[in-house]
Amino acid sequence: MDTILILERLDRLEKLLIGSKEVLTFDEASDYTGISRSYLYKLTASGKIPHSKPNGKMVFFDKKKLVDWLLQHKREPQLKIKDNTQAGNLANKNA
């Protein structure tokens, strides 16, 4: 097998394994979220992202809390916002 093909398969297998874990290491969290290691470090140092340091050195992330953090501050699609605005305008006209 070609070396590149083997490395691609290994990368896919690693991603599958990370997907089944509940607790992620710092590097796994960076890979899982797509956040660069330097920015993830800034987020942990400032306490802006949920994490734990059980022994004071290694950083771990609860995957569920990490996903919740990633999905905070949801935005409504523009179409839905327009529909809600139009429905409100119709309600005001009928009043």
PDB file of N, CA and C in Angstrom:
ATOM      1  N   MET A   1       0.833  -1.195   0.000  1.00  0.00           N
ATOM      2  CA  MET A   1       0.000   0.000   0.000  1.00  0.00           C
ATOM      3  C   MET A   1       0.872   1.249   0.000  1.00  0.00           C
ATOM      4  N   ASP A   2       0.348   2.258  -0.573  1.00  0.00           N
ATOM      5  CA  ASP A   2       1.035   3.531  -0.626  1.00  0.00           C
ATOM      6  C   ASP A   2       1.067   4.158   0.776  1.00  0.00           C
ATOM      7  N   THR A   3       2.152   4.793   1.139  1.00  0.00           N
ATOM      8  CA  THR A   3       2.308   5.399   2.464  1.00  0.00           C
ATOM      9  C   THR A   3       1.240   6.449   2.723  1.00  0.00           C
ATOM     10  N   ILE A   4       0.930   7.258   1.733  1.00  0.00           N
ATOM     11  CA  ILE A   4      -0.081   8.309   1.893  1.00  0.00           C
ATOM     12  C   ILE A   4      -1.447   7.686   2.176  1.00  0.00           C
ATOM     13  N   LEU A   5      -1.783   6.622   1.481  1.00  0.00           N
ATOM     14  CA  LEU A   5      -3.057   5.938   1.693  1.00  0.00           C
ATOM     15  C   LEU A   5      -3.139   5.376   3.110  1.00  0.00           C
ATOM     16  N   ILE A   6      -2.052   4.796   3.577  1.00  0.00           N
ATOM     17  CA  ILE A   6      -2.018   4.250   4.946  1.00  0.00           C
ATOM     18  C   ILE A   6      -2.202   5.370   5.965  1.00  0.00           C
ATOM     19  N   LEU A   7      -1.540   6.492   5.765  1.00  0.00           N
ATOM     20  CA  LEU A   7      -1.667   7.621   6.689  1.00  0.00           C
ATOM     21  C   LEU A   7      -3.086   8.189   6.689  1.00  0.00           C
ATOM     22  N   GLU A   8      -3.720   8.237   5.514  1.00  0.00           N
ATOM     23  CA  GLU A   8      -5.101   8.718   5.436  1.00  0.00           C
ATOM     24  C   GLU A   8      -6.038   7.788   6.195  1.00  0.00           C
ATOM     25  N   ARG A   9      -5.844   6.497   6.050  1.00  0.00           N
ATOM     26  CA  ARG A   9      -6.678   5.527   6.769  1.00  0.00           C
ATOM     27  C   ARG A   9      -6.452   5.628   8.273  1.00  0.00           C
ATOM     28  N   LEU A  10      -5.208   5.790   8.675  1.00  0.00           N
ATOM     29  CA  LEU A  10      -4.889   5.934  10.094  1.00  0.00           C
ATOM     30  C   LEU A  10      -5.559   7.179  10.661  1.00  0.00           C
ATOM     31  N   ASP A  11      -5.534   8.265   9.906  1.00  0.00           N
ATOM     32  CA  ASP A  11      -6.173   9.506  10.341  1.00  0.00           C
ATOM     33  C   ASP A  11      -7.678   9.315  10.519  1.00  0.00           C
ATOM     34  N   ARG A  12      -8.315   8.618   9.588  1.00  0.00           N
ATOM     35  CA  ARG A  12      -9.761   8.344   9.705  1.00  0.00           C
ATOM     36  C   ARG A  12     -10.064   7.483  10.918  1.00  0.00           C
ATOM     37  N   LEU A  13      -9.227   6.491  11.183  1.00  0.00           N
ATOM     38  CA  LEU A  13      -9.420   5.626  12.356  1.00  0.00           C
ATOM     39  C   LEU A  13      -9.266   6.415  13.652  1.00  0.00           C
ATOM     40  N   GLU A  14      -8.281   7.305  13.707  1.00  0.00           N
ATOM     41  CA  GLU A  14      -8.096   8.135  14.901  1.00  0.00           C
ATOM     42  C   GLU A  14      -9.323   9.012  15.139  1.00  0.00           C
ATOM     43  N   LYS A  15      -9.872   9.573  14.082  1.00  0.00           N
ATOM     44  CA  LYS A  15     -11.059  10.421  14.227  1.00  0.00           C
ATOM     45  C   LYS A  15     -12.255   9.610  14.710  1.00  0.00           C
ATOM     46  N   LEU A  16     -12.388   8.377  14.241  1.00  0.00           N
ATOM     47  CA  LEU A  16     -13.470   7.511  14.718  1.00  0.00           C
ATOM     48  C   LEU A  16     -13.308   7.206  16.206  1.00  0.00           C
ATOM     49  N   LEU A  17     -12.090   6.963  16.637  1.00  0.00           N
ATOM     50  CA  LEU A  17     -11.844   6.674  18.051  1.00  0.00           C
ATOM     51  C   LEU A  17     -12.144   7.886  18.915  1.00  0.00           C
ATOM     52  N   ILE A  18     -11.757   9.063  18.467  1.00  0.00           N
ATOM     53  CA  ILE A  18     -12.041  10.288  19.225  1.00  0.00           C
ATOM     54  C   ILE A  18     -13.553  10.483  19.338  1.00  0.00           C
ATOM     55  N   GLY A  19     -14.289  10.139  18.288  1.00  0.00           N
ATOM     56  CA  GLY A  19     -15.737  10.291  18.295  1.00  0.00           C
ATOM     57  C   GLY A  19     -16.422   9.438  19.350  1.00  0.00           C
ATOM     58  N   SER A  20     -15.799   8.345  19.769  1.00  0.00           N
ATOM     59  CA  SER A  20     -16.433   7.467  20.749  1.00  0.00           C
ATOM     60  C   SER A  20     -15.990   7.760  22.181  1.00  0.00           C
ATOM     61  N   LYS A  21     -15.015   8.630  22.361  1.00  0.00           N
ATOM     62  CA  LYS A  21     -14.523   8.958  23.697  1.00  0.00           C
ATOM     63  C   LYS A  21     -15.409  10.012  24.358  1.00  0.00           C
ATOM     64  N   GLU A  22     -15.499   9.981  25.677  1.00  0.00           N
ATOM     65  CA  GLU A  22     -16.268  10.988  26.409  1.00  0.00           C
ATOM     66  C   GLU A  22     -15.382  12.106  26.935  1.00  0.00           C
ATOM     67  N   VAL A  23     -14.119  11.782  27.216  1.00  0.00           N
ATOM     68  CA  VAL A  23     -13.170  12.764  27.728  1.00  0.00           C
ATOM     69  C   VAL A  23     -12.022  12.868  26.738  1.00  0.00           C
ATOM     70  N   LEU A  24     -11.690  14.112  26.365  1.00  0.00           N
ATOM     71  CA  LEU A  24     -10.657  14.347  25.371  1.00  0.00           C
ATOM     72  C   LEU A  24      -9.441  15.023  25.987  1.00  0.00           C
ATOM     73  N   THR A  25      -8.269  14.672  25.480  1.00  0.00           N
ATOM     74  CA  THR A  25      -7.052  15.371  25.874  1.00  0.00           C
ATOM     75  C   THR A  25      -7.013  16.715  25.155  1.00  0.00           C
ATOM     76  N   PHE A  26      -6.029  17.525  25.482  1.00  0.00           N
ATOM     77  CA  PHE A  26      -5.883  18.834  24.852  1.00  0.00           C
ATOM     78  C   PHE A  26      -5.751  18.703  23.337  1.00  0.00           C
ATOM     79  N   ASP A  27      -4.846  17.830  22.878  1.00  0.00           N
ATOM     80  CA  ASP A  27      -4.636  17.664  21.438  1.00  0.00           C
ATOM     81  C   ASP A  27      -5.878  17.097  20.747  1.00  0.00           C
ATOM     82  N   GLU A  28      -6.548  16.146  21.398  1.00  0.00           N
ATOM     83  CA  GLU A  28      -7.771  15.575  20.823  1.00  0.00           C
ATOM     84  C   GLU A  28      -8.861  16.628  20.722  1.00  0.00           C
ATOM     85  N   ALA A  29      -8.978  17.475  21.734  1.00  0.00           N
ATOM     86  CA  ALA A  29      -9.987  18.539  21.708  1.00  0.00           C
ATOM     87  C   ALA A  29      -9.697  19.526  20.584  1.00  0.00           C
ATOM     88  N   SER A  30      -8.437  19.821  20.376  1.00  0.00           N
ATOM     89  CA  SER A  30      -8.053  20.718  19.287  1.00  0.00           C
ATOM     90  C   SER A  30      -8.420  20.104  17.935  1.00  0.00           C
ATOM     91  N   ASP A  31      -8.106  18.835  17.761  1.00  0.00           N
ATOM     92  CA  ASP A  31      -8.442  18.153  16.507  1.00  0.00           C
ATOM     93  C   ASP A  31      -9.954  18.031  16.333  1.00  0.00           C
ATOM     94  N   TYR A  32     -10.657  17.705  17.399  1.00  0.00           N
ATOM     95  CA  TYR A  32     -12.106  17.489  17.344  1.00  0.00           C
ATOM     96  C   TYR A  32     -12.850  18.777  16.983  1.00  0.00           C
ATOM     97  N   THR A  33     -12.434  19.905  17.587  1.00  0.00           N
ATOM     98  CA  THR A  33     -13.139  21.166  17.373  1.00  0.00           C
ATOM     99  C   THR A  33     -12.629  21.947  16.175  1.00  0.00           C
ATOM    100  N   GLY A  34     -11.398  21.664  15.771  1.00  0.00           N
ATOM    101  CA  GLY A  34     -10.805  22.449  14.698  1.00  0.00           C
ATOM    102  C   GLY A  34     -10.200  23.749  15.206  1.00  0.00           C
ATOM    103  N   ILE A  35     -10.163  23.935  16.516  1.00  0.00           N
ATOM    104  CA  ILE A  35      -9.569  25.125  17.122  1.00  0.00           C
ATOM    105  C   ILE A  35      -8.058  24.889  17.212  1.00  0.00           C
ATOM    106  N   SER A  36      -7.274  25.882  16.805  1.00  0.00           N
ATOM    107  CA  SER A  36      -5.822  25.721  16.854  1.00  0.00           C
ATOM    108  C   SER A  36      -5.363  25.526  18.299  1.00  0.00           C
ATOM    109  N   ARG A  37      -4.234  24.864  18.462  1.00  0.00           N
ATOM    110  CA  ARG A  37      -3.718  24.590  19.800  1.00  0.00           C
ATOM    111  C   ARG A  37      -3.409  25.879  20.557  1.00  0.00           C
ATOM    112  N   SER A  38      -2.880  26.881  19.863  1.00  0.00           N
ATOM    113  CA  SER A  38      -2.547  28.137  20.547  1.00  0.00           C
ATOM    114  C   SER A  38      -3.811  28.863  21.026  1.00  0.00           C
ATOM    115  N   TYR A  39      -4.857  28.866  20.201  1.00  0.00           N
ATOM    116  CA  TYR A  39      -6.098  29.535  20.610  1.00  0.00           C
ATOM    117  C   TYR A  39      -6.805  28.746  21.710  1.00  0.00           C
ATOM    118  N   LEU A  40      -6.762  27.421  21.616  1.00  0.00           N
ATOM    119  CA  LEU A  40      -7.359  26.590  22.664  1.00  0.00           C
ATOM    120  C   LEU A  40      -6.642  26.828  23.993  1.00  0.00           C
ATOM    121  N   TYR A  41      -5.337  26.989  23.947  1.00  0.00           N
ATOM    122  CA  TYR A  41      -4.581  27.294  25.164  1.00  0.00           C
ATOM    123  C   TYR A  41      -5.043  28.625  25.750  1.00  0.00           C
ATOM    124  N   LYS A  42      -5.225  29.640  24.911  1.00  0.00           N
ATOM    125  CA  LYS A  42      -5.700  30.948  25.386  1.00  0.00           C
ATOM    126  C   LYS A  42      -7.082  30.824  26.024  1.00  0.00           C
ATOM    127  N   LEU A  43      -7.959  30.023  25.407  1.00  0.00           N
ATOM    128  CA  LEU A  43      -9.311  29.843  25.944  1.00  0.00           C
ATOM    129  C   LEU A  43      -9.278  29.153  27.310  1.00  0.00           C
ATOM    130  N   THR A  44      -8.405  28.151  27.468  1.00  0.00           N
ATOM    131  CA  THR A  44      -8.317  27.453  28.756  1.00  0.00           C
ATOM    132  C   THR A  44      -7.665  28.347  29.808  1.00  0.00           C
ATOM    133  N   ALA A  45      -6.627  29.069  29.423  1.00  0.00           N
ATOM    134  CA  ALA A  45      -5.924  29.943  30.374  1.00  0.00           C
ATOM    135  C   ALA A  45      -6.834  31.057  30.897  1.00  0.00           C
ATOM    136  N   SER A  46      -7.730  31.538  30.033  1.00  0.00           N
ATOM    137  CA  SER A  46      -8.639  32.611  30.438  1.00  0.00           C
ATOM    138  C   SER A  46      -9.930  32.081  31.066  1.00  0.00           C
ATOM    139  N   GLY A  47     -10.098  30.751  31.076  1.00  0.00           N
ATOM    140  CA  GLY A  47     -11.295  30.151  31.670  1.00  0.00           C
ATOM    141  C   GLY A  47     -12.547  30.326  30.830  1.00  0.00           C
ATOM    142  N   LYS A  48     -12.385  30.549  29.538  1.00  0.00           N
ATOM    143  CA  LYS A  48     -13.535  30.784  28.669  1.00  0.00           C
ATOM    144  C   LYS A  48     -14.118  29.512  28.082  1.00  0.00           C
ATOM    145  N   ILE A  49     -13.445  28.392  28.277  1.00  0.00           N
ATOM    146  CA  ILE A  49     -13.922  27.122  27.742  1.00  0.00           C
ATOM    147  C   ILE A  49     -13.914  26.102  28.887  1.00  0.00           C
ATOM    148  N   PRO A  50     -14.964  25.277  29.010  1.00  0.00           N
ATOM    149  CA  PRO A  50     -15.001  24.308  30.116  1.00  0.00           C
ATOM    150  C   PRO A  50     -13.919  23.237  29.956  1.00  0.00           C
ATOM    151  N   HIS A  51     -13.149  23.061  31.008  1.00  0.00           N
ATOM    152  CA  HIS A  51     -12.073  22.064  31.007  1.00  0.00           C
ATOM    153  C   HIS A  51     -11.749  21.689  32.448  1.00  0.00           C
ATOM    154  N   SER A  52     -10.924  20.671  32.597  1.00  0.00           N
ATOM    155  CA  SER A  52     -10.478  20.299  33.941  1.00  0.00           C
ATOM    156  C   SER A  52      -8.994  19.988  33.907  1.00  0.00           C
ATOM    157  N   LYS A  53      -8.353  20.212  35.039  1.00  0.00           N
ATOM    158  CA  LYS A  53      -6.931  19.925  35.216  1.00  0.00           C
ATOM    159  C   LYS A  53      -6.792  19.141  36.515  1.00  0.00           C
ATOM    160  N   PRO A  54      -7.106  17.851  36.493  1.00  0.00           N
ATOM    161  CA  PRO A  54      -7.148  17.075  37.738  1.00  0.00           C
ATOM    162  C   PRO A  54      -5.823  17.008  38.488  1.00  0.00           C
ATOM    163  N   ASN A  55      -4.721  17.027  37.790  1.00  0.00           N
ATOM    164  CA  ASN A  55      -3.430  16.959  38.473  1.00  0.00           C
ATOM    165  C   ASN A  55      -2.668  18.273  38.373  1.00  0.00           C
ATOM    166  N   GLY A  56      -3.332  19.315  37.903  1.00  0.00           N
ATOM    167  CA  GLY A  56      -2.720  20.627  37.808  1.00  0.00           C
ATOM    168  C   GLY A  56      -1.869  20.841  36.577  1.00  0.00           C
ATOM    169  N   LYS A  57      -1.697  19.826  35.758  1.00  0.00           N
ATOM    170  CA  LYS A  57      -0.851  19.976  34.578  1.00  0.00           C
ATOM    171  C   LYS A  57      -1.586  19.622  33.296  1.00  0.00           C
ATOM    172  N   MET A  58      -2.035  18.385  33.183  1.00  0.00           N
ATOM    173  CA  MET A  58      -2.726  17.951  31.962  1.00  0.00           C
ATOM    174  C   MET A  58      -4.134  18.539  31.921  1.00  0.00           C
ATOM    175  N   VAL A  59      -4.573  18.905  30.718  1.00  0.00           N
ATOM    176  CA  VAL A  59      -5.898  19.502  30.518  1.00  0.00           C
ATOM    177  C   VAL A  59      -6.786  18.478  29.826  1.00  0.00           C
ATOM    178  N   PHE A  60      -8.024  18.339  30.343  1.00  0.00           N
ATOM    179  CA  PHE A  60      -8.993  17.412  29.758  1.00  0.00           C
ATOM    180  C   PHE A  60     -10.301  18.145  29.504  1.00  0.00           C
ATOM    181  N   PHE A  61     -11.049  17.643  28.538  1.00  0.00           N
ATOM    182  CA  PHE A  61     -12.322  18.242  28.151  1.00  0.00           C
ATOM    183  C   PHE A  61     -13.402  17.176  28.125  1.00  0.00           C
ATOM    184  N   ASP A  62     -14.533  17.461  28.752  1.00  0.00           N
ATOM    185  CA  ASP A  62     -15.721  16.623  28.651  1.00  0.00           C
ATOM    186  C   ASP A  62     -16.330  16.922  27.279  1.00  0.00           C
ATOM    187  N   LYS A  63     -16.439  15.916  26.443  1.00  0.00           N
ATOM    188  CA  LYS A  63     -16.873  16.146  25.063  1.00  0.00           C
ATOM    189  C   LYS A  63     -18.260  16.782  24.997  1.00  0.00           C
ATOM    190  N   LYS A  64     -19.185  16.356  25.857  1.00  0.00           N
ATOM    191  CA  LYS A  64     -20.538  16.928  25.836  1.00  0.00           C
ATOM    192  C   LYS A  64     -20.501  18.423  26.180  1.00  0.00           C
ATOM    193  N   LYS A  65     -19.732  18.780  27.215  1.00  0.00           N
ATOM    194  CA  LYS A  65     -19.616  20.194  27.587  1.00  0.00           C
ATOM    195  C   LYS A  65     -18.931  20.998  26.489  1.00  0.00           C
ATOM    196  N   LEU A  66     -17.977  20.372  25.826  1.00  0.00           N
ATOM    197  CA  LEU A  66     -17.268  21.036  24.738  1.00  0.00           C
ATOM    198  C   LEU A  66     -18.222  21.320  23.579  1.00  0.00           C
ATOM    199  N   VAL A  67     -19.060  20.346  23.236  1.00  0.00           N
ATOM    200  CA  VAL A  67     -20.041  20.534  22.164  1.00  0.00           C
ATOM    201  C   VAL A  67     -21.058  21.608  22.565  1.00  0.00           C
ATOM    202  N   ASP A  68     -21.524  21.571  23.815  1.00  0.00           N
ATOM    203  CA  ASP A  68     -22.459  22.596  24.288  1.00  0.00           C
ATOM    204  C   ASP A  68     -21.832  23.990  24.182  1.00  0.00           C
ATOM    205  N   TRP A  69     -20.557  24.090  24.540  1.00  0.00           N
ATOM    206  CA  TRP A  69     -19.861  25.372  24.461  1.00  0.00           C
ATOM    207  C   TRP A  69     -19.752  25.831  23.007  1.00  0.00           C
ATOM    208  N   LEU A  70     -19.440  24.897  22.108  1.00  0.00           N
ATOM    209  CA  LEU A  70     -19.317  25.238  20.694  1.00  0.00           C
ATOM    210  C   LEU A  70     -20.635  25.735  20.110  1.00  0.00           C
ATOM    211  N   LEU A  71     -21.746  25.197  20.608  1.00  0.00           N
ATOM    212  CA  LEU A  71     -23.058  25.531  20.046  1.00  0.00           C
ATOM    213  C   LEU A  71     -23.773  26.662  20.781  1.00  0.00           C
ATOM    214  N   GLN A  72     -23.090  27.333  21.698  1.00  0.00           N
ATOM    215  CA  GLN A  72     -23.732  28.442  22.408  1.00  0.00           C
ATOM    216  C   GLN A  72     -23.904  29.631  21.465  1.00  0.00           C
ATOM    217  N   HIS A  73     -24.765  30.531  21.819  1.00  0.00           N
ATOM    218  CA  HIS A  73     -25.060  31.735  21.025  1.00  0.00           C
ATOM    219  C   HIS A  73     -25.530  31.389  19.619  1.00  0.00           C
ATOM    220  N   LYS A  74     -26.538  30.524  19.557  1.00  0.00           N
ATOM    221  CA  LYS A  74     -27.071  30.108  18.259  1.00  0.00           C
ATOM    222  C   LYS A  74     -27.703  31.295  17.542  1.00  0.00           C
ATOM    223  N   ARG A  75     -27.616  31.273  16.251  1.00  0.00           N
ATOM    224  CA  ARG A  75     -28.226  32.297  15.409  1.00  0.00           C
ATOM    225  C   ARG A  75     -29.340  31.656  14.594  1.00  0.00           C
ATOM    226  N   GLU A  76     -30.443  32.373  14.439  1.00  0.00           N
ATOM    227  CA  GLU A  76     -31.541  31.899  13.603  1.00  0.00           C
ATOM    228  C   GLU A  76     -31.198  32.169  12.147  1.00  0.00           C
ATOM    229  N   PRO A  77     -31.578  31.263  11.250  1.00  0.00           N
ATOM    230  CA  PRO A  77     -31.360  31.529   9.820  1.00  0.00           C
ATOM    231  C   PRO A  77     -32.118  32.776   9.399  1.00  0.00           C
ATOM    232  N   GLN A  78     -31.584  33.517   8.444  1.00  0.00           N
ATOM    233  CA  GLN A  78     -32.206  34.758   7.987  1.00  0.00           C
ATOM    234  C   GLN A  78     -33.635  34.538   7.514  1.00  0.00           C
ATOM    235  N   LEU A  79     -33.901  33.446   6.820  1.00  0.00           N
ATOM    236  CA  LEU A  79     -35.238  33.163   6.320  1.00  0.00           C
ATOM    237  C   LEU A  79     -36.224  33.050   7.474  1.00  0.00           C
ATOM    238  N   LYS A  80     -35.830  32.357   8.551  1.00  0.00           N
ATOM    239  CA  LYS A  80     -36.722  32.191   9.688  1.00  0.00           C
ATOM    240  C   LYS A  80     -36.969  33.525  10.379  1.00  0.00           C
ATOM    241  N   ILE A  81     -35.938  34.365  10.476  1.00  0.00           N
ATOM    242  CA  ILE A  81     -36.098  35.682  11.085  1.00  0.00           C
ATOM    243  C   ILE A  81     -37.082  36.513  10.267  1.00  0.00           C
ATOM    244  N   LYS A  82     -36.948  36.474   8.930  1.00  0.00           N
ATOM    245  CA  LYS A  82     -37.863  37.226   8.072  1.00  0.00           C
ATOM    246  C   LYS A  82     -39.296  36.721   8.223  1.00  0.00           C
ATOM    247  N   ASP A  83     -39.477  35.401   8.297  1.00  0.00           N
ATOM    248  CA  ASP A  83     -40.807  34.828   8.464  1.00  0.00           C
ATOM    249  C   ASP A  83     -41.435  35.286   9.772  1.00  0.00           C
ATOM    250  N   ASN A  84     -40.656  35.278  10.848  1.00  0.00           N
ATOM    251  CA  ASN A  84     -41.171  35.718  12.149  1.00  0.00           C
ATOM    252  C   ASN A  84     -41.515  37.197  12.128  1.00  0.00           C
ATOM    253  N   THR A  85     -40.708  37.998  11.446  1.00  0.00           N
ATOM    254  CA  THR A  85     -40.979  39.432  11.349  1.00  0.00           C
ATOM    255  C   THR A  85     -42.253  39.679  10.551  1.00  0.00           C
ATOM    256  N   GLN A  86     -42.410  38.965   9.447  1.00  0.00           N
ATOM    257  CA  GLN A  86     -43.607  39.125   8.628  1.00  0.00           C
ATOM    258  C   GLN A  86     -44.846  38.674   9.394  1.00  0.00           C
ATOM    259  N   ALA A  87     -44.744  37.603  10.157  1.00  0.00           N
ATOM    260  CA  ALA A  87     -45.880  37.133  10.947  1.00  0.00           C
ATOM    261  C   ALA A  87     -46.253  38.168  12.006  1.00  0.00           C
ATOM    262  N   GLY A  88     -45.240  38.800  12.579  1.00  0.00           N
ATOM    263  CA  GLY A  88     -45.503  39.858  13.563  1.00  0.00           C
ATOM    264  C   GLY A  88     -46.158  41.067  12.938  1.00  0.00           C
ATOM    265  N   ASN A  89     -45.744  41.423  11.731  1.00  0.00           N
ATOM    266  CA  ASN A  89     -46.337  42.552  11.033  1.00  0.00           C
ATOM    267  C   ASN A  89     -47.801  42.272  10.696  1.00  0.00           C
ATOM    268  N   LEU A  90     -48.110  41.030  10.275  1.00  0.00           N
ATOM    269  CA  LEU A  90     -49.490  40.666   9.967  1.00  0.00           C
ATOM    270  C   LEU A  90     -50.357  40.716  11.223  1.00  0.00           C
ATOM    271  N   ALA A  91     -49.792  40.274  12.341  1.00  0.00           N
ATOM    272  CA  ALA A  91     -50.552  40.293  13.602  1.00  0.00           C
ATOM    273  C   ALA A  91     -50.861  41.732  13.997  1.00  0.00           C
ATOM    274  N   ASN A  92     -49.915  42.632  13.793  1.00  0.00           N
ATOM    275  CA  ASN A  92     -50.126  44.037  14.143  1.00  0.00           C
ATOM    276  C   ASN A  92     -51.161  44.691  13.238  1.00  0.00           C
ATOM    277  N   LYS A  93     -51.198  44.315  11.963  1.00  0.00           N
ATOM    278  CA  LYS A  93     -52.180  44.878  11.032  1.00  0.00           C
ATOM    279  C   LYS A  93     -53.598  44.411  11.370  1.00  0.00           C
ATOM    280  N   ASN A  94     -53.702  43.158  11.842  1.00  0.00           N
ATOM    281  CA  ASN A  94     -55.008  42.599  12.158  1.00  0.00           C
ATOM    282  C   ASN A  94     -55.530  43.082  13.501  1.00  0.00           C
ATOM    283  N   ALA A  95     -54.699  43.681  14.299  1.00  0.00           N
ATOM    284  CA  ALA A  95     -55.127  44.124  15.640  1.00  0.00           C
ATOM    285  C   ALA A  95     -55.876  45.418  15.608  1.00  0.00           C
TER     286      ALA A  95
END
